[in-house]
Amino acid sequence: MWPSLIKSIRNFILSTFIIKPYFDKDFNLPDFVRGSKQALEVVSSKISQGDIKSLEGLVTSEVAQSIQRSLSLMSVFQREQIAINSEDIIFSFPYQVGIIFNESDVNQKRYVEITMVFHALRGLAGMRERGEELPFNMGMMPEYQKRMSVCNYRFIREYTKGAESDWTINLLNHFKPGDQIEE
């Protein structure tokens, strides 16, 4: 996934003119992006260790069950590849910001949902420390393809009046574009 100008404008409008004044006066999209990177690092590390129990409260129960099923099909090497160091993120962006109203409920539940996309290169932090530059066409270079990952995390938070809620991951996916090229 790549950023879309139209979605970026829509995301800015929703977060600045709807979420901040009507749902959460302290909401700030750049701060959310920083926090989502930390969440990616923590959650991906726990998944790679097979520590699903410690994800309680960070991911929904449906996501935890899905992770458990997926882990049972992976090799040790594949599990290790899931862990993402936040300093290895090349770039990230909010793909979509959404507001959900559950009109059928008497309380009219309100939610905000944000899908984040992260592009990471394993070992990027070390490359930067050594002063190495990333080649513009690294996606086409075999030595980089195996080290690249794309992670999609969707966060949700309830904003119904009187409800206390934290951001929770209700969908996640990791994939390696290099694996798709081989097929």
C-alpha atoms as a PDB file:
ATOM      1  CA  MET A   1       0.000   0.000   0.000  1.00  0.00           C
ATOM      2  CA  TRP A   2       1.093   3.508  -0.800  1.00  0.00           C
ATOM      3  CA  PRO A   3      -0.271   6.851   0.393  1.00  0.00           C
ATOM      4  CA  SER A   4      -3.145   8.334  -1.581  1.00  0.00           C
ATOM      5  CA  LEU A   5      -3.412  12.112  -1.837  1.00  0.00           C
ATOM      6  CA  ILE A   6      -7.204  11.999  -1.609  1.00  0.00           C
ATOM      7  CA  LYS A   7      -7.180   9.692   1.434  1.00  0.00           C
ATOM      8  CA  SER A   8      -4.479  11.820   3.065  1.00  0.00           C
ATOM      9  CA  ILE A   9      -6.637  14.945   2.691  1.00  0.00           C
ATOM     10  CA  ARG A  10      -9.703  13.048   3.975  1.00  0.00           C
ATOM     11  CA  ASN A  11      -7.680  11.720   6.949  1.00  0.00           C
ATOM     12  CA  PHE A  12      -6.496  15.243   7.785  1.00  0.00           C
ATOM     13  CA  ILE A  13     -10.045  16.628   7.635  1.00  0.00           C
ATOM     14  CA  LEU A  14     -11.491  13.835   9.804  1.00  0.00           C
ATOM     15  CA  SER A  15      -8.749  14.012  12.420  1.00  0.00           C
ATOM     16  CA  THR A  16      -8.588  17.826  12.590  1.00  0.00           C
ATOM     17  CA  PHE A  17     -12.212  18.893  12.134  1.00  0.00           C
ATOM     18  CA  ILE A  18     -14.199  15.916  13.476  1.00  0.00           C
ATOM     19  CA  ILE A  19     -12.163  13.751  15.878  1.00  0.00           C
ATOM     20  CA  LYS A  20     -10.279  16.512  17.703  1.00  0.00           C
ATOM     21  CA  PRO A  21     -13.212  18.880  18.374  1.00  0.00           C
ATOM     22  CA  TYR A  22     -16.011  16.307  18.867  1.00  0.00           C
ATOM     23  CA  PHE A  23     -14.391  13.089  20.144  1.00  0.00           C
ATOM     24  CA  ASP A  24     -10.997  13.769  21.752  1.00  0.00           C
ATOM     25  CA  LYS A  25      -9.623  17.291  22.189  1.00  0.00           C
ATOM     26  CA  ASP A  26      -6.136  15.845  22.791  1.00  0.00           C
ATOM     27  CA  PHE A  27      -6.078  13.762  19.593  1.00  0.00           C
ATOM     28  CA  ASN A  28      -3.168  14.522  17.300  1.00  0.00           C
ATOM     29  CA  LEU A  29      -2.489  12.383  14.197  1.00  0.00           C
ATOM     30  CA  PRO A  30       1.347  12.769  14.287  1.00  0.00           C
ATOM     31  CA  ASP A  31       1.346  11.633  17.949  1.00  0.00           C
ATOM     32  CA  PHE A  32      -0.914   8.716  17.007  1.00  0.00           C
ATOM     33  CA  VAL A  33       1.539   7.697  14.262  1.00  0.00           C
ATOM     34  CA  ARG A  34       4.443   7.747  16.760  1.00  0.00           C
ATOM     35  CA  GLY A  35       2.446   5.643  19.217  1.00  0.00           C
ATOM     36  CA  SER A  36       1.424   3.192  16.495  1.00  0.00           C
ATOM     37  CA  LYS A  37       5.111   2.585  15.684  1.00  0.00           C
ATOM     38  CA  GLN A  38       5.702   1.669  19.315  1.00  0.00           C
ATOM     39  CA  ALA A  39       2.674  -0.630  19.212  1.00  0.00           C
ATOM     40  CA  LEU A  40       4.013  -2.299  16.051  1.00  0.00           C
ATOM     41  CA  GLU A  41       7.355  -2.953  17.742  1.00  0.00           C
ATOM     42  CA  VAL A  42       5.825  -4.379  20.944  1.00  0.00           C
ATOM     43  CA  VAL A  43       3.120  -6.473  19.265  1.00  0.00           C
ATOM     44  CA  SER A  44       5.342  -7.860  16.493  1.00  0.00           C
ATOM     45  CA  SER A  45       8.000  -8.792  19.066  1.00  0.00           C
ATOM     46  CA  LYS A  46       5.463 -10.640  21.242  1.00  0.00           C
ATOM     47  CA  ILE A  47       4.068 -12.433  18.187  1.00  0.00           C
ATOM     48  CA  SER A  48       7.544 -13.522  17.063  1.00  0.00           C
ATOM     49  CA  GLN A  49       8.161 -14.924  20.561  1.00  0.00           C
ATOM     50  CA  GLY A  50       4.813 -16.743  20.477  1.00  0.00           C
ATOM     51  CA  ASP A  51       3.729 -14.788  23.572  1.00  0.00           C
ATOM     52  CA  ILE A  52       0.055 -14.335  22.675  1.00  0.00           C
ATOM     53  CA  LYS A  53      -1.122 -14.079  26.298  1.00  0.00           C
ATOM     54  CA  SER A  54       0.736 -10.790  26.826  1.00  0.00           C
ATOM     55  CA  LEU A  55      -1.142  -9.248  23.877  1.00  0.00           C
ATOM     56  CA  GLU A  56      -4.353  -9.141  25.940  1.00  0.00           C
ATOM     57  CA  GLY A  57      -5.645  -5.572  25.900  1.00  0.00           C
ATOM     58  CA  LEU A  58      -3.446  -4.664  22.926  1.00  0.00           C
ATOM     59  CA  VAL A  59      -5.317  -6.755  20.341  1.00  0.00           C
ATOM     60  CA  THR A  60      -8.911  -7.970  20.175  1.00  0.00           C
ATOM     61  CA  SER A  61      -9.647 -11.580  21.103  1.00  0.00           C
ATOM     62  CA  GLU A  62     -10.432 -12.328  17.434  1.00  0.00           C
ATOM     63  CA  VAL A  63      -6.992 -11.069  16.393  1.00  0.00           C
ATOM     64  CA  ALA A  64      -5.301 -13.104  19.162  1.00  0.00           C
ATOM     65  CA  GLN A  65      -7.062 -16.265  17.950  1.00  0.00           C
ATOM     66  CA  SER A  66      -6.075 -15.553  14.346  1.00  0.00           C
ATOM     67  CA  ILE A  67      -2.448 -15.001  15.371  1.00  0.00           C
ATOM     68  CA  GLN A  68      -2.437 -18.255  17.313  1.00  0.00           C
ATOM     69  CA  ARG A  69      -3.711 -20.172  14.257  1.00  0.00           C
ATOM     70  CA  SER A  70      -1.180 -18.492  11.953  1.00  0.00           C
ATOM     71  CA  LEU A  71       1.755 -19.132  14.286  1.00  0.00           C
ATOM     72  CA  SER A  72       0.985 -22.849  14.325  1.00  0.00           C
ATOM     73  CA  LEU A  73       1.650 -22.914  10.559  1.00  0.00           C
ATOM     74  CA  MET A  74       4.945 -20.983  10.628  1.00  0.00           C
ATOM     75  CA  SER A  75       8.535 -22.135  10.875  1.00  0.00           C
ATOM     76  CA  VAL A  76      10.804 -20.701  13.582  1.00  0.00           C
ATOM     77  CA  PHE A  77      12.544 -18.561  10.931  1.00  0.00           C
ATOM     78  CA  GLN A  78       9.214 -17.149   9.702  1.00  0.00           C
ATOM     79  CA  ARG A  79       8.202 -16.284  13.270  1.00  0.00           C
ATOM     80  CA  GLU A  80      11.507 -14.502  13.882  1.00  0.00           C
ATOM     81  CA  GLN A  81      10.950 -12.398  10.755  1.00  0.00           C
ATOM     82  CA  ILE A  82       7.734 -10.942  12.211  1.00  0.00           C
ATOM     83  CA  ALA A  83       9.549  -8.824  14.827  1.00  0.00           C
ATOM     84  CA  ILE A  84       9.967  -5.227  13.626  1.00  0.00           C
ATOM     85  CA  ASN A  85      12.329  -2.735  15.249  1.00  0.00           C
ATOM     86  CA  SER A  86      10.727   0.727  15.056  1.00  0.00           C
ATOM     87  CA  GLU A  87      14.098   2.144  13.913  1.00  0.00           C
ATOM     88  CA  ASP A  88      13.916  -0.159  10.866  1.00  0.00           C
ATOM     89  CA  ILE A  89      10.758   1.558   9.585  1.00  0.00           C
ATOM     90  CA  ILE A  90      11.493   3.269   6.276  1.00  0.00           C
ATOM     91  CA  PHE A  91       8.198   5.119   6.311  1.00  0.00           C
ATOM     92  CA  SER A  92       4.699   4.824   7.700  1.00  0.00           C
ATOM     93  CA  PHE A  93       1.425   6.558   7.099  1.00  0.00           C
ATOM     94  CA  PRO A  94      -2.231   6.471   8.148  1.00  0.00           C
ATOM     95  CA  TYR A  95      -3.879   4.758   5.197  1.00  0.00           C
ATOM     96  CA  GLN A  96      -7.416   5.432   6.365  1.00  0.00           C
ATOM     97  CA  VAL A  97      -9.116   7.203   9.249  1.00  0.00           C
ATOM     98  CA  GLY A  98     -12.726   6.262   9.818  1.00  0.00           C
ATOM     99  CA  ILE A  99     -15.552   7.122  12.175  1.00  0.00           C
ATOM    100  CA  ILE A 100     -18.128   4.458  12.971  1.00  0.00           C
ATOM    101  CA  PHE A 101     -21.556   5.076  14.486  1.00  0.00           C
ATOM    102  CA  ASN A 102     -23.587   2.119  15.674  1.00  0.00           C
ATOM    103  CA  GLU A 103     -27.070   3.562  15.175  1.00  0.00           C
ATOM    104  CA  SER A 104     -28.869   0.323  16.060  1.00  0.00           C
ATOM    105  CA  ASP A 105     -27.704   0.541  19.673  1.00  0.00           C
ATOM    106  CA  VAL A 106     -29.672   2.705  22.132  1.00  0.00           C
ATOM    107  CA  ASN A 107     -26.411   4.302  23.332  1.00  0.00           C
ATOM    108  CA  GLN A 108     -25.336   5.157  19.777  1.00  0.00           C
ATOM    109  CA  LYS A 109     -21.824   3.793  20.152  1.00  0.00           C
ATOM    110  CA  ARG A 110     -19.090   5.787  18.444  1.00  0.00           C
ATOM    111  CA  TYR A 111     -15.722   4.492  17.323  1.00  0.00           C
ATOM    112  CA  VAL A 112     -12.657   5.834  15.558  1.00  0.00           C
ATOM    113  CA  GLU A 113     -10.689   3.395  13.449  1.00  0.00           C
ATOM    114  CA  ILE A 114      -7.274   4.111  11.923  1.00  0.00           C
ATOM    115  CA  THR A 115      -5.437   1.809   9.539  1.00  0.00           C
ATOM    116  CA  MET A 116      -1.673   2.301   9.619  1.00  0.00           C
ATOM    117  CA  VAL A 117       0.804   1.044   7.024  1.00  0.00           C
ATOM    118  CA  PHE A 118       4.466   0.475   7.875  1.00  0.00           C
ATOM    119  CA  HIS A 119       7.259  -0.270   5.385  1.00  0.00           C
ATOM    120  CA  ALA A 120      10.318  -1.693   7.140  1.00  0.00           C
ATOM    121  CA  LEU A 121      13.772  -2.877   6.139  1.00  0.00           C
ATOM    122  CA  ARG A 122      15.429  -5.304   8.564  1.00  0.00           C
ATOM    123  CA  GLY A 123      18.798  -3.832   9.587  1.00  0.00           C
ATOM    124  CA  LEU A 124      17.999  -0.253   8.529  1.00  0.00           C
ATOM    125  CA  ALA A 125      19.020   1.157  11.926  1.00  0.00           C
ATOM    126  CA  GLY A 126      22.485  -0.415  11.570  1.00  0.00           C
ATOM    127  CA  MET A 127      22.827   0.897   8.025  1.00  0.00           C
ATOM    128  CA  ARG A 128      22.035   4.412   9.222  1.00  0.00           C
ATOM    129  CA  GLU A 129      24.557   4.106  12.060  1.00  0.00           C
ATOM    130  CA  ARG A 130      27.236   3.172   9.502  1.00  0.00           C
ATOM    131  CA  GLY A 131      26.235   6.125   7.321  1.00  0.00           C
ATOM    132  CA  GLU A 132      25.025   3.937   4.454  1.00  0.00           C
ATOM    133  CA  GLU A 133      22.536   5.423   2.011  1.00  0.00           C
ATOM    134  CA  LEU A 134      19.466   3.519   0.844  1.00  0.00           C
ATOM    135  CA  PRO A 135      19.425   3.050  -2.918  1.00  0.00           C
ATOM    136  CA  PHE A 136      16.382   4.558  -4.620  1.00  0.00           C
ATOM    137  CA  ASN A 137      15.583   1.273  -6.382  1.00  0.00           C
ATOM    138  CA  MET A 138      16.159  -1.004  -3.388  1.00  0.00           C
ATOM    139  CA  GLY A 139      12.826  -2.756  -3.976  1.00  0.00           C
ATOM    140  CA  MET A 140      14.251  -4.188  -7.184  1.00  0.00           C
ATOM    141  CA  MET A 141      17.545  -5.277  -5.649  1.00  0.00           C
ATOM    142  CA  PRO A 142      17.589  -8.904  -4.427  1.00  0.00           C
ATOM    143  CA  GLU A 143      19.832  -8.111  -1.439  1.00  0.00           C
ATOM    144  CA  TYR A 144      17.110  -5.829  -0.046  1.00  0.00           C
ATOM    145  CA  GLN A 145      13.960  -7.689  -1.143  1.00  0.00           C
ATOM    146  CA  LYS A 146      14.263 -10.439   1.487  1.00  0.00           C
ATOM    147  CA  ARG A 147      14.725  -7.841   4.246  1.00  0.00           C
ATOM    148  CA  MET A 148      11.651  -5.753   3.408  1.00  0.00           C
ATOM    149  CA  SER A 149       8.329  -6.074   5.230  1.00  0.00           C
ATOM    150  CA  VAL A 150       4.997  -4.326   4.928  1.00  0.00           C
ATOM    151  CA  CYS A 151       2.777  -4.298   8.009  1.00  0.00           C
ATOM    152  CA  ASN A 152      -0.848  -3.184   8.144  1.00  0.00           C
ATOM    153  CA  TYR A 153      -2.320  -2.544  11.589  1.00  0.00           C
ATOM    154  CA  ARG A 154      -5.855  -1.308  12.160  1.00  0.00           C
ATOM    155  CA  PHE A 155      -6.502   0.409  15.486  1.00  0.00           C
ATOM    156  CA  ILE A 156      -9.928   1.040  17.001  1.00  0.00           C
ATOM    157  CA  ARG A 157     -11.077   3.044  20.005  1.00  0.00           C
ATOM    158  CA  GLU A 158     -14.545   3.553  21.410  1.00  0.00           C
ATOM    159  CA  TYR A 159     -15.609   7.167  21.987  1.00  0.00           C
ATOM    160  CA  THR A 160     -19.145   6.574  23.245  1.00  0.00           C
ATOM    161  CA  LYS A 161     -19.975   9.049  26.021  1.00  0.00           C
ATOM    162  CA  GLY A 162     -19.148   7.510  29.384  1.00  0.00           C
ATOM    163  CA  ALA A 163     -17.065   4.679  27.897  1.00  0.00           C
ATOM    164  CA  GLU A 164     -13.425   4.312  28.876  1.00  0.00           C
ATOM    165  CA  SER A 165     -11.399   2.836  26.030  1.00  0.00           C
ATOM    166  CA  ASP A 166      -7.843   2.544  24.776  1.00  0.00           C
ATOM    167  CA  TRP A 167      -6.590   1.998  21.254  1.00  0.00           C
ATOM    168  CA  THR A 168      -6.775  -1.704  20.377  1.00  0.00           C
ATOM    169  CA  ILE A 169      -5.583  -3.529  17.275  1.00  0.00           C
ATOM    170  CA  ASN A 170      -8.540  -5.184  15.551  1.00  0.00           C
ATOM    171  CA  LEU A 171      -6.702  -6.327  12.421  1.00  0.00           C
ATOM    172  CA  LEU A 172      -3.067  -6.891  11.542  1.00  0.00           C
ATOM    173  CA  ASN A 173      -1.066  -8.380   8.736  1.00  0.00           C
ATOM    174  CA  HIS A 174       2.626  -8.715   7.924  1.00  0.00           C
ATOM    175  CA  PHE A 175       3.976  -9.684   4.546  1.00  0.00           C
ATOM    176  CA  LYS A 176       7.221  -9.666   2.646  1.00  0.00           C
ATOM    177  CA  PRO A 177       6.904  -8.277  -0.885  1.00  0.00           C
ATOM    178  CA  GLY A 178      10.032 -10.253  -1.846  1.00  0.00           C
ATOM    179  CA  ASP A 179       8.155 -13.499  -1.198  1.00  0.00           C
ATOM    180  CA  GLN A 180       5.461 -12.388  -3.664  1.00  0.00           C
ATOM    181  CA  ILE A 181       8.071 -11.708  -6.353  1.00  0.00           C
ATOM    182  CA  GLU A 182       9.446 -15.260  -6.065  1.00  0.00           C
ATOM    183  CA  GLU A 183       6.030 -16.807  -6.636  1.00  0.00           C
END
